[in-house]
């Protein structure tokens, strides 16, 4: 099956949710489904995806599990799914690095051939955070200190070549700053380092927003288009003068190449119901994440467009590694 084609996605959209077995038709799913989430437990992605899996369990009538596979720039889940049996019982969150890293280094999958796009879900609210005890009251304070101390200011991120990391690389380049980028395996892992004074700042998502609400961390900026209702005093990058910078790192779910169109349709329909489930919508609101639904066909087209856009980003920032 050629997964990034309108014909393949349209077939998935039209087929009924049944799979032909050797002797008879068998309803899908009839056993648990696993979603591979390429981040550590406790961060925004894990919180959102576990709420989503609980909602999907209700709608499928079968258990939907979350299995964390952090590391390798959030590509381990996608790499595992690319090698998996195409039966629909293993799917993965497709992050921007899944589409970015093939332009930088050899990867164990072909991003344009090895996946069956199922559904696009949402994006993140990202920002730069500091400890509540930090002398940085504003983003401009951090920039000024980094200029005074080149090569000394440490900024944590959720993994090398992930969107928080590359956005900070981009911001540092725009400000001509020499900072140290410190990768962690997720925002929940980086937060204790920030509060402990081991790094000066952290680029992360709203999964650690509770620490902001509790007064333990302070947000210096957010990367969405408009200010967050949750933190209305925190400026956006656009307000800070970065006119073209809206960074939400949207993501969806995909299975292995070769999924039966009926299975793709069944997964899409169950996951769409879970996306709009009231309990899951409440989780998205708590995390300041918007619904960004795309059908299987539209998501397939979006993945191709994003793959091309990531190539341009890699070339613009000079990020090729091999």
C-alpha atoms as a PDB file:
ATOM      1  CA  UNK A   1       0.000   0.000   0.000  1.00  0.00           C
ATOM      2  CA  UNK A   2       1.301   3.440  -0.874  1.00  0.00           C
ATOM      3  CA  UNK A   3       0.239   5.310   2.240  1.00  0.00           C
ATOM      4  CA  UNK A   4       0.623   8.953   1.224  1.00  0.00           C
ATOM      5  CA  UNK A   5      -1.840   8.866  -1.651  1.00  0.00           C
ATOM      6  CA  UNK A   6      -5.359  10.166  -1.932  1.00  0.00           C
ATOM      7  CA  UNK A   7      -6.529   6.837  -3.322  1.00  0.00           C
ATOM      8  CA  UNK A   8      -5.232   4.923  -0.293  1.00  0.00           C
ATOM      9  CA  UNK A   9      -6.650   7.369   2.241  1.00  0.00           C
ATOM     10  CA  UNK A  10      -9.964   7.582   0.387  1.00  0.00           C
ATOM     11  CA  UNK A  11     -10.208   3.824   0.449  1.00  0.00           C
ATOM     12  CA  UNK A  12      -9.713   3.954   4.201  1.00  0.00           C
ATOM     13  CA  UNK A  13     -12.417   6.566   4.464  1.00  0.00           C
ATOM     14  CA  UNK A  14     -14.972   4.508   2.530  1.00  0.00           C
ATOM     15  CA  UNK A  15     -14.350   1.013   3.840  1.00  0.00           C
ATOM     16  CA  UNK A  16     -16.393  -0.567   6.638  1.00  0.00           C
ATOM     17  CA  UNK A  17     -14.650  -1.409   9.928  1.00  0.00           C
ATOM     18  CA  UNK A  18     -14.257  -5.120   9.289  1.00  0.00           C
ATOM     19  CA  UNK A  19     -11.220  -7.233   8.418  1.00  0.00           C
ATOM     20  CA  UNK A  20     -11.372 -10.350   6.241  1.00  0.00           C
ATOM     21  CA  UNK A  21     -10.059 -13.383   8.073  1.00  0.00           C
ATOM     22  CA  UNK A  22      -9.125 -16.763   6.681  1.00  0.00           C
ATOM     23  CA  UNK A  23     -12.564 -18.214   7.288  1.00  0.00           C
ATOM     24  CA  UNK A  24     -14.853 -15.336   8.185  1.00  0.00           C
ATOM     25  CA  UNK A  25     -15.020 -11.658   8.890  1.00  0.00           C
ATOM     26  CA  UNK A  26     -13.698 -10.564  12.264  1.00  0.00           C
ATOM     27  CA  UNK A  27     -14.656  -7.303  13.884  1.00  0.00           C
ATOM     28  CA  UNK A  28     -11.816  -4.876  14.633  1.00  0.00           C
ATOM     29  CA  UNK A  29     -10.627  -4.427  17.313  1.00  0.00           C
ATOM     30  CA  UNK A  30     -11.017  -7.619  19.289  1.00  0.00           C
ATOM     31  CA  UNK A  31      -8.024  -7.165  21.606  1.00  0.00           C
ATOM     32  CA  UNK A  32      -6.071  -4.256  23.174  1.00  0.00           C
ATOM     33  CA  UNK A  33      -4.521  -1.524  21.028  1.00  0.00           C
ATOM     34  CA  UNK A  34      -1.190   0.023  22.042  1.00  0.00           C
ATOM     35  CA  UNK A  35      -0.190   3.624  21.347  1.00  0.00           C
ATOM     36  CA  UNK A  36       3.549   4.275  21.455  1.00  0.00           C
ATOM     37  CA  UNK A  37       4.222   7.692  22.997  1.00  0.00           C
ATOM     38  CA  UNK A  38       7.842   8.817  22.500  1.00  0.00           C
ATOM     39  CA  UNK A  39       8.140  10.793  25.747  1.00  0.00           C
ATOM     40  CA  UNK A  40       8.562  10.034  29.443  1.00  0.00           C
ATOM     41  CA  UNK A  41       5.589   9.773  31.811  1.00  0.00           C
ATOM     42  CA  UNK A  42       4.396  12.966  33.466  1.00  0.00           C
ATOM     43  CA  UNK A  43       4.800  15.524  30.686  1.00  0.00           C
ATOM     44  CA  UNK A  44       2.111  17.199  28.592  1.00  0.00           C
ATOM     45  CA  UNK A  45       2.144  14.504  25.917  1.00  0.00           C
ATOM     46  CA  UNK A  46       1.854  11.650  28.377  1.00  0.00           C
ATOM     47  CA  UNK A  47      -0.986  13.342  30.262  1.00  0.00           C
ATOM     48  CA  UNK A  48      -2.884  14.086  27.060  1.00  0.00           C
ATOM     49  CA  UNK A  49      -2.337  10.686  25.474  1.00  0.00           C
ATOM     50  CA  UNK A  50      -3.388   8.773  28.594  1.00  0.00           C
ATOM     51  CA  UNK A  51      -6.612  10.759  28.758  1.00  0.00           C
ATOM     52  CA  UNK A  52      -7.067  10.101  25.044  1.00  0.00           C
ATOM     53  CA  UNK A  53      -6.423   6.358  25.525  1.00  0.00           C
ATOM     54  CA  UNK A  54      -9.013   6.184  28.313  1.00  0.00           C
ATOM     55  CA  UNK A  55     -11.569   7.833  26.042  1.00  0.00           C
ATOM     56  CA  UNK A  56     -10.620   5.544  23.147  1.00  0.00           C
ATOM     57  CA  UNK A  57     -11.071   2.515  25.405  1.00  0.00           C
ATOM     58  CA  UNK A  58     -14.659   3.558  26.005  1.00  0.00           C
ATOM     59  CA  UNK A  59     -15.362   4.069  22.316  1.00  0.00           C
ATOM     60  CA  UNK A  60     -13.611   0.938  20.998  1.00  0.00           C
ATOM     61  CA  UNK A  61     -14.871  -1.367  23.736  1.00  0.00           C
ATOM     62  CA  UNK A  62     -11.291  -2.663  23.976  1.00  0.00           C
ATOM     63  CA  UNK A  63      -8.433  -1.467  26.156  1.00  0.00           C
ATOM     64  CA  UNK A  64      -6.186   1.164  24.581  1.00  0.00           C
ATOM     65  CA  UNK A  65      -2.771   1.217  26.247  1.00  0.00           C
ATOM     66  CA  UNK A  66      -0.048   3.880  26.305  1.00  0.00           C
ATOM     67  CA  UNK A  67       3.531   2.649  26.139  1.00  0.00           C
ATOM     68  CA  UNK A  68       6.253   5.253  26.644  1.00  0.00           C
ATOM     69  CA  UNK A  69       9.249   5.003  24.296  1.00  0.00           C
ATOM     70  CA  UNK A  70      11.377   8.114  25.039  1.00  0.00           C
ATOM     71  CA  UNK A  71      14.672   8.860  23.357  1.00  0.00           C
ATOM     72  CA  UNK A  72      16.177   9.335  19.903  1.00  0.00           C
ATOM     73  CA  UNK A  73      14.546  12.732  19.475  1.00  0.00           C
ATOM     74  CA  UNK A  74      11.022  11.297  19.944  1.00  0.00           C
ATOM     75  CA  UNK A  75      11.348   8.908  16.994  1.00  0.00           C
ATOM     76  CA  UNK A  76      11.558   5.506  18.734  1.00  0.00           C
ATOM     77  CA  UNK A  77       7.812   4.922  18.626  1.00  0.00           C
ATOM     78  CA  UNK A  78       7.588   5.673  14.921  1.00  0.00           C
ATOM     79  CA  UNK A  79      10.614   3.484  14.206  1.00  0.00           C
ATOM     80  CA  UNK A  80       8.993   0.576  16.056  1.00  0.00           C
ATOM     81  CA  UNK A  81       5.688   0.986  14.234  1.00  0.00           C
ATOM     82  CA  UNK A  82       7.445   1.109  10.856  1.00  0.00           C
ATOM     83  CA  UNK A  83       8.677  -2.441  11.560  1.00  0.00           C
ATOM     84  CA  UNK A  84       5.444  -3.706  13.104  1.00  0.00           C
ATOM     85  CA  UNK A  85       2.899  -6.119  11.687  1.00  0.00           C
ATOM     86  CA  UNK A  86       0.202  -4.058   9.914  1.00  0.00           C
ATOM     87  CA  UNK A  87      -2.747  -5.364  11.898  1.00  0.00           C
ATOM     88  CA  UNK A  88      -3.796  -2.097  13.582  1.00  0.00           C
ATOM     89  CA  UNK A  89      -2.976  -3.109  17.134  1.00  0.00           C
ATOM     90  CA  UNK A  90       0.173  -0.983  17.353  1.00  0.00           C
ATOM     91  CA  UNK A  91       0.160   2.701  16.415  1.00  0.00           C
ATOM     92  CA  UNK A  92       2.491   5.588  17.220  1.00  0.00           C
ATOM     93  CA  UNK A  93       2.417   9.285  17.845  1.00  0.00           C
ATOM     94  CA  UNK A  94       4.059  10.995  14.875  1.00  0.00           C
ATOM     95  CA  UNK A  95       6.035  14.012  16.083  1.00  0.00           C
ATOM     96  CA  UNK A  96       7.749  16.654  13.971  1.00  0.00           C
ATOM     97  CA  UNK A  97      11.199  15.078  14.542  1.00  0.00           C
ATOM     98  CA  UNK A  98       9.907  11.926  12.827  1.00  0.00           C
ATOM     99  CA  UNK A  99       9.646  14.068   9.696  1.00  0.00           C
ATOM    100  CA  UNK A 100      12.666  16.271  10.429  1.00  0.00           C
ATOM    101  CA  UNK A 101      15.460  13.849  11.315  1.00  0.00           C
ATOM    102  CA  UNK A 102      15.451  12.004   7.963  1.00  0.00           C
ATOM    103  CA  UNK A 103      16.799  15.261   6.477  1.00  0.00           C
ATOM    104  CA  UNK A 104      19.637  15.276   9.014  1.00  0.00           C
ATOM    105  CA  UNK A 105      20.770  11.667   9.338  1.00  0.00           C
ATOM    106  CA  UNK A 106      20.011   8.107   8.289  1.00  0.00           C
ATOM    107  CA  UNK A 107      16.863   6.815  10.005  1.00  0.00           C
ATOM    108  CA  UNK A 108      15.461   3.263  10.295  1.00  0.00           C
ATOM    109  CA  UNK A 109      12.317   4.210   8.385  1.00  0.00           C
ATOM    110  CA  UNK A 110      11.177   6.092   5.300  1.00  0.00           C
ATOM    111  CA  UNK A 111       8.852   8.843   6.506  1.00  0.00           C
ATOM    112  CA  UNK A 112       6.994   8.964   3.189  1.00  0.00           C
ATOM    113  CA  UNK A 113       6.450   5.200   2.737  1.00  0.00           C
ATOM    114  CA  UNK A 114       6.532   3.331   6.049  1.00  0.00           C
ATOM    115  CA  UNK A 115       3.413   4.703   7.772  1.00  0.00           C
ATOM    116  CA  UNK A 116      -0.344   4.693   7.323  1.00  0.00           C
ATOM    117  CA  UNK A 117      -1.659   8.063   8.551  1.00  0.00           C
ATOM    118  CA  UNK A 118      -4.743   7.626  10.749  1.00  0.00           C
ATOM    119  CA  UNK A 119      -5.706  10.926  12.382  1.00  0.00           C
ATOM    120  CA  UNK A 120      -4.237  14.297  13.310  1.00  0.00           C
ATOM    121  CA  UNK A 121      -5.006  15.305  16.900  1.00  0.00           C
ATOM    122  CA  UNK A 122      -3.581  18.457  18.466  1.00  0.00           C
ATOM    123  CA  UNK A 123      -0.522  20.609  19.152  1.00  0.00           C
ATOM    124  CA  UNK A 124       1.287  22.021  22.160  1.00  0.00           C
ATOM    125  CA  UNK A 125       1.522  25.231  24.077  1.00  0.00           C
ATOM    126  CA  UNK A 126       5.282  25.739  24.425  1.00  0.00           C
ATOM    127  CA  UNK A 127       7.229  28.410  26.211  1.00  0.00           C
ATOM    128  CA  UNK A 128      10.437  29.298  28.036  1.00  0.00           C
ATOM    129  CA  UNK A 129      10.361  28.780  31.797  1.00  0.00           C
ATOM    130  CA  UNK A 130      12.656  29.716  34.668  1.00  0.00           C
ATOM    131  CA  UNK A 131      12.635  28.990  38.368  1.00  0.00           C
ATOM    132  CA  UNK A 132      10.547  31.271  40.562  1.00  0.00           C
ATOM    133  CA  UNK A 133      13.815  32.296  42.239  1.00  0.00           C
ATOM    134  CA  UNK A 134      15.470  33.196  38.932  1.00  0.00           C
ATOM    135  CA  UNK A 135      16.676  36.780  38.429  1.00  0.00           C
ATOM    136  CA  UNK A 136      15.087  36.641  34.963  1.00  0.00           C
ATOM    137  CA  UNK A 137      11.752  38.417  35.204  1.00  0.00           C
ATOM    138  CA  UNK A 138      11.334  38.700  31.430  1.00  0.00           C
ATOM    139  CA  UNK A 139      12.625  37.089  28.237  1.00  0.00           C
ATOM    140  CA  UNK A 140      14.694  40.229  27.644  1.00  0.00           C
ATOM    141  CA  UNK A 141      16.445  39.615  30.987  1.00  0.00           C
ATOM    142  CA  UNK A 142      17.514  36.159  29.833  1.00  0.00           C
ATOM    143  CA  UNK A 143      18.726  37.505  26.474  1.00  0.00           C
ATOM    144  CA  UNK A 144      20.723  40.268  28.181  1.00  0.00           C
ATOM    145  CA  UNK A 145      22.390  37.842  30.593  1.00  0.00           C
ATOM    146  CA  UNK A 146      23.248  35.418  27.794  1.00  0.00           C
ATOM    147  CA  UNK A 147      24.943  38.275  25.967  1.00  0.00           C
ATOM    148  CA  UNK A 148      26.949  39.162  29.081  1.00  0.00           C
ATOM    149  CA  UNK A 149      27.958  35.534  29.670  1.00  0.00           C
ATOM    150  CA  UNK A 150      28.464  33.837  26.293  1.00  0.00           C
ATOM    151  CA  UNK A 151      28.635  30.054  26.525  1.00  0.00           C
ATOM    152  CA  UNK A 152      27.422  29.933  30.139  1.00  0.00           C
ATOM    153  CA  UNK A 153      23.622  30.134  30.158  1.00  0.00           C
ATOM    154  CA  UNK A 154      22.133  26.621  30.106  1.00  0.00           C
ATOM    155  CA  UNK A 155      18.725  26.030  28.535  1.00  0.00           C
ATOM    156  CA  UNK A 156      17.061  22.639  28.900  1.00  0.00           C
ATOM    157  CA  UNK A 157      14.864  21.011  26.283  1.00  0.00           C
ATOM    158  CA  UNK A 158      12.825  17.846  25.807  1.00  0.00           C
ATOM    159  CA  UNK A 159      15.375  16.114  23.575  1.00  0.00           C
ATOM    160  CA  UNK A 160      18.003  16.884  20.971  1.00  0.00           C
ATOM    161  CA  UNK A 161      16.531  18.030  17.647  1.00  0.00           C
ATOM    162  CA  UNK A 162      13.026  18.169  19.079  1.00  0.00           C
ATOM    163  CA  UNK A 163      10.881  21.224  18.480  1.00  0.00           C
ATOM    164  CA  UNK A 164      11.687  22.951  21.821  1.00  0.00           C
ATOM    165  CA  UNK A 165      15.400  22.451  21.146  1.00  0.00           C
ATOM    166  CA  UNK A 166      15.327  23.712  17.564  1.00  0.00           C
ATOM    167  CA  UNK A 167      13.123  26.666  18.442  1.00  0.00           C
ATOM    168  CA  UNK A 168      15.668  27.717  21.049  1.00  0.00           C
ATOM    169  CA  UNK A 169      18.446  27.251  18.470  1.00  0.00           C
ATOM    170  CA  UNK A 170      16.462  29.507  16.153  1.00  0.00           C
ATOM    171  CA  UNK A 171      15.859  32.146  18.855  1.00  0.00           C
ATOM    172  CA  UNK A 172      19.515  32.102  19.887  1.00  0.00           C
ATOM    173  CA  UNK A 173      20.574  32.544  16.267  1.00  0.00           C
ATOM    174  CA  UNK A 174      18.208  35.486  15.809  1.00  0.00           C
ATOM    175  CA  UNK A 175      19.634  37.147  18.935  1.00  0.00           C
ATOM    176  CA  UNK A 176      23.227  36.105  18.176  1.00  0.00           C
ATOM    177  CA  UNK A 177      23.482  34.283  21.507  1.00  0.00           C
ATOM    178  CA  UNK A 178      25.950  31.584  22.540  1.00  0.00           C
ATOM    179  CA  UNK A 179      24.018  29.362  24.960  1.00  0.00           C
ATOM    180  CA  UNK A 180      24.304  25.746  26.087  1.00  0.00           C
ATOM    181  CA  UNK A 181      21.406  23.500  25.006  1.00  0.00           C
ATOM    182  CA  UNK A 182      20.874  20.694  27.536  1.00  0.00           C
ATOM    183  CA  UNK A 183      18.721  17.757  26.345  1.00  0.00           C
ATOM    184  CA  UNK A 184      16.492  15.793  28.699  1.00  0.00           C
ATOM    185  CA  UNK A 185      14.202  12.859  27.965  1.00  0.00           C
ATOM    186  CA  UNK A 186      11.095  14.940  28.616  1.00  0.00           C
ATOM    187  CA  UNK A 187       9.851  18.092  30.298  1.00  0.00           C
ATOM    188  CA  UNK A 188       9.043  16.262  33.537  1.00  0.00           C
ATOM    189  CA  UNK A 189      12.688  15.192  33.765  1.00  0.00           C
ATOM    190  CA  UNK A 190      13.971  18.708  33.068  1.00  0.00           C
ATOM    191  CA  UNK A 191      11.761  20.505  35.603  1.00  0.00           C
ATOM    192  CA  UNK A 192      13.643  19.257  38.723  1.00  0.00           C
ATOM    193  CA  UNK A 193      16.936  20.320  37.117  1.00  0.00           C
ATOM    194  CA  UNK A 194      15.480  23.780  36.551  1.00  0.00           C
ATOM    195  CA  UNK A 195      14.140  24.120  40.072  1.00  0.00           C
ATOM    196  CA  UNK A 196      17.436  22.789  41.437  1.00  0.00           C
ATOM    197  CA  UNK A 197      19.469  25.447  39.634  1.00  0.00           C
ATOM    198  CA  UNK A 198      21.286  23.032  37.320  1.00  0.00           C
ATOM    199  CA  UNK A 199      20.016  24.932  34.272  1.00  0.00           C
ATOM    200  CA  UNK A 200      18.989  28.562  33.937  1.00  0.00           C
ATOM    201  CA  UNK A 201      15.915  28.051  31.729  1.00  0.00           C
ATOM    202  CA  UNK A 202      13.837  25.365  30.073  1.00  0.00           C
ATOM    203  CA  UNK A 203      11.891  25.150  26.819  1.00  0.00           C
ATOM    204  CA  UNK A 204       8.869  22.940  27.440  1.00  0.00           C
ATOM    205  CA  UNK A 205       5.158  22.389  27.008  1.00  0.00           C
ATOM    206  CA  UNK A 206       2.259  23.130  29.314  1.00  0.00           C
ATOM    207  CA  UNK A 207       2.424  19.686  30.914  1.00  0.00           C
ATOM    208  CA  UNK A 208       4.423  21.319  33.696  1.00  0.00           C
ATOM    209  CA  UNK A 209       2.038  24.264  33.841  1.00  0.00           C
ATOM    210  CA  UNK A 210       0.902  23.219  37.302  1.00  0.00           C
ATOM    211  CA  UNK A 211       4.356  24.200  38.578  1.00  0.00           C
ATOM    212  CA  UNK A 212       3.755  27.648  37.106  1.00  0.00           C
ATOM    213  CA  UNK A 213       0.340  27.826  38.737  1.00  0.00           C
ATOM    214  CA  UNK A 214       1.886  26.794  42.056  1.00  0.00           C
ATOM    215  CA  UNK A 215       4.473  29.577  41.833  1.00  0.00           C
ATOM    216  CA  UNK A 216       7.454  27.247  41.496  1.00  0.00           C
ATOM    217  CA  UNK A 217       8.252  28.158  37.879  1.00  0.00           C
ATOM    218  CA  UNK A 218       7.773  31.331  35.852  1.00  0.00           C
ATOM    219  CA  UNK A 219       6.926  31.588  32.156  1.00  0.00           C
ATOM    220  CA  UNK A 220       8.857  34.192  30.168  1.00  0.00           C
ATOM    221  CA  UNK A 221       7.058  33.696  26.849  1.00  0.00           C
ATOM    222  CA  UNK A 222       4.652  31.404  25.006  1.00  0.00           C
ATOM    223  CA  UNK A 223       4.917  30.269  21.392  1.00  0.00           C
ATOM    224  CA  UNK A 224       1.255  30.287  20.365  1.00  0.00           C
ATOM    225  CA  UNK A 225      -0.304  32.988  18.182  1.00  0.00           C
ATOM    226  CA  UNK A 226      -2.281  34.663  20.959  1.00  0.00           C
ATOM    227  CA  UNK A 227      -1.752  34.865  24.707  1.00  0.00           C
ATOM    228  CA  UNK A 228      -2.930  31.909  26.741  1.00  0.00           C
ATOM    229  CA  UNK A 229      -6.091  32.540  28.803  1.00  0.00           C
ATOM    230  CA  UNK A 230      -4.405  30.504  31.522  1.00  0.00           C
ATOM    231  CA  UNK A 231      -1.431  32.891  31.716  1.00  0.00           C
ATOM    232  CA  UNK A 232      -2.706  36.157  30.229  1.00  0.00           C
ATOM    233  CA  UNK A 233       0.257  38.264  31.369  1.00  0.00           C
ATOM    234  CA  UNK A 234       2.829  36.162  29.491  1.00  0.00           C
ATOM    235  CA  UNK A 235       3.757  37.597  26.049  1.00  0.00           C
ATOM    236  CA  UNK A 236       3.895  35.612  22.829  1.00  0.00           C
ATOM    237  CA  UNK A 237       6.988  35.446  20.637  1.00  0.00           C
ATOM    238  CA  UNK A 238       5.137  37.573  18.106  1.00  0.00           C
ATOM    239  CA  UNK A 239       4.642  40.286  20.728  1.00  0.00           C
ATOM    240  CA  UNK A 240       8.330  40.083  21.545  1.00  0.00           C
ATOM    241  CA  UNK A 241       9.203  40.935  17.961  1.00  0.00           C
ATOM    242  CA  UNK A 242       9.570  37.497  16.355  1.00  0.00           C
ATOM    243  CA  UNK A 243       6.889  38.140  13.792  1.00  0.00           C
ATOM    244  CA  UNK A 244       6.885  34.768  12.062  1.00  0.00           C
ATOM    245  CA  UNK A 245       7.247  32.501  15.103  1.00  0.00           C
ATOM    246  CA  UNK A 246       4.204  30.437  16.060  1.00  0.00           C
ATOM    247  CA  UNK A 247       5.387  27.017  17.193  1.00  0.00           C
ATOM    248  CA  UNK A 248       2.903  24.355  18.317  1.00  0.00           C
ATOM    249  CA  UNK A 249       4.529  21.153  16.965  1.00  0.00           C
ATOM    250  CA  UNK A 250       1.250  19.451  16.006  1.00  0.00           C
ATOM    251  CA  UNK A 251       0.993  15.668  15.961  1.00  0.00           C
ATOM    252  CA  UNK A 252      -1.199  12.718  15.101  1.00  0.00           C
ATOM    253  CA  UNK A 253      -1.252   8.935  15.000  1.00  0.00           C
ATOM    254  CA  UNK A 254      -0.096   6.496  12.330  1.00  0.00           C
ATOM    255  CA  UNK A 255       0.210   2.754  11.916  1.00  0.00           C
ATOM    256  CA  UNK A 256       2.558   0.669   9.785  1.00  0.00           C
ATOM    257  CA  UNK A 257       2.381   0.814   6.020  1.00  0.00           C
ATOM    258  CA  UNK A 258      -0.042  -1.698   4.574  1.00  0.00           C
ATOM    259  CA  UNK A 259      -2.897  -1.353   7.046  1.00  0.00           C
ATOM    260  CA  UNK A 260      -6.136  -2.741   5.669  1.00  0.00           C
ATOM    261  CA  UNK A 261      -8.308   0.250   4.702  1.00  0.00           C
ATOM    262  CA  UNK A 262     -11.120  -1.123   6.871  1.00  0.00           C
ATOM    263  CA  UNK A 263      -8.787  -1.163   9.882  1.00  0.00           C
ATOM    264  CA  UNK A 264      -7.607   2.370   9.133  1.00  0.00           C
ATOM    265  CA  UNK A 265     -11.228   3.514   9.017  1.00  0.00           C
ATOM    266  CA  UNK A 266     -12.081   1.738  12.275  1.00  0.00           C
ATOM    267  CA  UNK A 267      -9.060   3.283  14.014  1.00  0.00           C
ATOM    268  CA  UNK A 268      -9.849   6.716  12.640  1.00  0.00           C
ATOM    269  CA  UNK A 269     -13.474   6.591  13.742  1.00  0.00           C
ATOM    270  CA  UNK A 270     -12.681   5.342  17.246  1.00  0.00           C
ATOM    271  CA  UNK A 271      -9.869   7.822  17.712  1.00  0.00           C
ATOM    272  CA  UNK A 272     -11.985  10.701  16.403  1.00  0.00           C
ATOM    273  CA  UNK A 273     -14.670   9.857  18.939  1.00  0.00           C
ATOM    274  CA  UNK A 274     -11.988   9.807  21.643  1.00  0.00           C
ATOM    275  CA  UNK A 275     -10.582  13.156  20.484  1.00  0.00           C
ATOM    276  CA  UNK A 276     -13.977  14.812  20.981  1.00  0.00           C
ATOM    277  CA  UNK A 277     -14.853  12.870  24.142  1.00  0.00           C
ATOM    278  CA  UNK A 278     -15.811  15.416  26.862  1.00  0.00           C
ATOM    279  CA  UNK A 279     -13.271  14.061  29.361  1.00  0.00           C
ATOM    280  CA  UNK A 280     -10.478  14.295  26.805  1.00  0.00           C
ATOM    281  CA  UNK A 281     -11.554  17.785  25.729  1.00  0.00           C
ATOM    282  CA  UNK A 282     -11.316  18.824  29.377  1.00  0.00           C
ATOM    283  CA  UNK A 283      -7.741  17.514  29.471  1.00  0.00           C
ATOM    284  CA  UNK A 284      -6.874  19.481  26.331  1.00  0.00           C
ATOM    285  CA  UNK A 285      -8.306  22.650  27.883  1.00  0.00           C
ATOM    286  CA  UNK A 286      -6.287  22.068  31.044  1.00  0.00           C
ATOM    287  CA  UNK A 287      -3.126  21.712  28.937  1.00  0.00           C
ATOM    288  CA  UNK A 288      -4.029  24.649  26.661  1.00  0.00           C
ATOM    289  CA  UNK A 289      -3.912  22.356  23.634  1.00  0.00           C
ATOM    290  CA  UNK A 290      -6.322  23.006  20.736  1.00  0.00           C
ATOM    291  CA  UNK A 291      -8.211  20.342  18.797  1.00  0.00           C
ATOM    292  CA  UNK A 292      -6.522  20.125  15.384  1.00  0.00           C
ATOM    293  CA  UNK A 293      -8.433  17.283  13.774  1.00  0.00           C
ATOM    294  CA  UNK A 294      -7.548  16.029  10.302  1.00  0.00           C
ATOM    295  CA  UNK A 295      -9.012  12.977   8.605  1.00  0.00           C
ATOM    296  CA  UNK A 296      -6.773  10.155   7.378  1.00  0.00           C
ATOM    297  CA  UNK A 297      -6.685  11.601   3.871  1.00  0.00           C
ATOM    298  CA  UNK A 298      -6.013  15.187   4.999  1.00  0.00           C
ATOM    299  CA  UNK A 299      -3.420  14.013   7.500  1.00  0.00           C
ATOM    300  CA  UNK A 300      -1.599  12.091   4.770  1.00  0.00           C
ATOM    301  CA  UNK A 301      -1.414  15.274   2.706  1.00  0.00           C
ATOM    302  CA  UNK A 302      -0.348  17.280   5.768  1.00  0.00           C
ATOM    303  CA  UNK A 303       2.491  14.850   6.513  1.00  0.00           C
ATOM    304  CA  UNK A 304       3.921  15.262   3.023  1.00  0.00           C
ATOM    305  CA  UNK A 305       3.714  19.046   3.293  1.00  0.00           C
ATOM    306  CA  UNK A 306       5.313  19.018   6.731  1.00  0.00           C
ATOM    307  CA  UNK A 307       8.074  16.684   5.558  1.00  0.00           C
ATOM    308  CA  UNK A 308       8.979  19.226   2.851  1.00  0.00           C
ATOM    309  CA  UNK A 309       8.776  22.139   5.312  1.00  0.00           C
ATOM    310  CA  UNK A 310      11.108  20.370   7.750  1.00  0.00           C
ATOM    311  CA  UNK A 311      13.657  19.921   4.978  1.00  0.00           C
ATOM    312  CA  UNK A 312      13.615  23.687   4.506  1.00  0.00           C
ATOM    313  CA  UNK A 313      14.031  24.264   8.257  1.00  0.00           C
ATOM    314  CA  UNK A 314      17.020  21.925   8.417  1.00  0.00           C
ATOM    315  CA  UNK A 315      18.663  23.694   5.506  1.00  0.00           C
ATOM    316  CA  UNK A 316      17.933  27.182   6.925  1.00  0.00           C
ATOM    317  CA  UNK A 317      19.428  26.345  10.332  1.00  0.00           C
ATOM    318  CA  UNK A 318      22.302  24.307   8.868  1.00  0.00           C
ATOM    319  CA  UNK A 319      21.402  21.241  10.915  1.00  0.00           C
ATOM    320  CA  UNK A 320      22.568  18.404   8.689  1.00  0.00           C
ATOM    321  CA  UNK A 321      24.521  15.833  10.710  1.00  0.00           C
ATOM    322  CA  UNK A 322      25.199  13.085   8.225  1.00  0.00           C
END
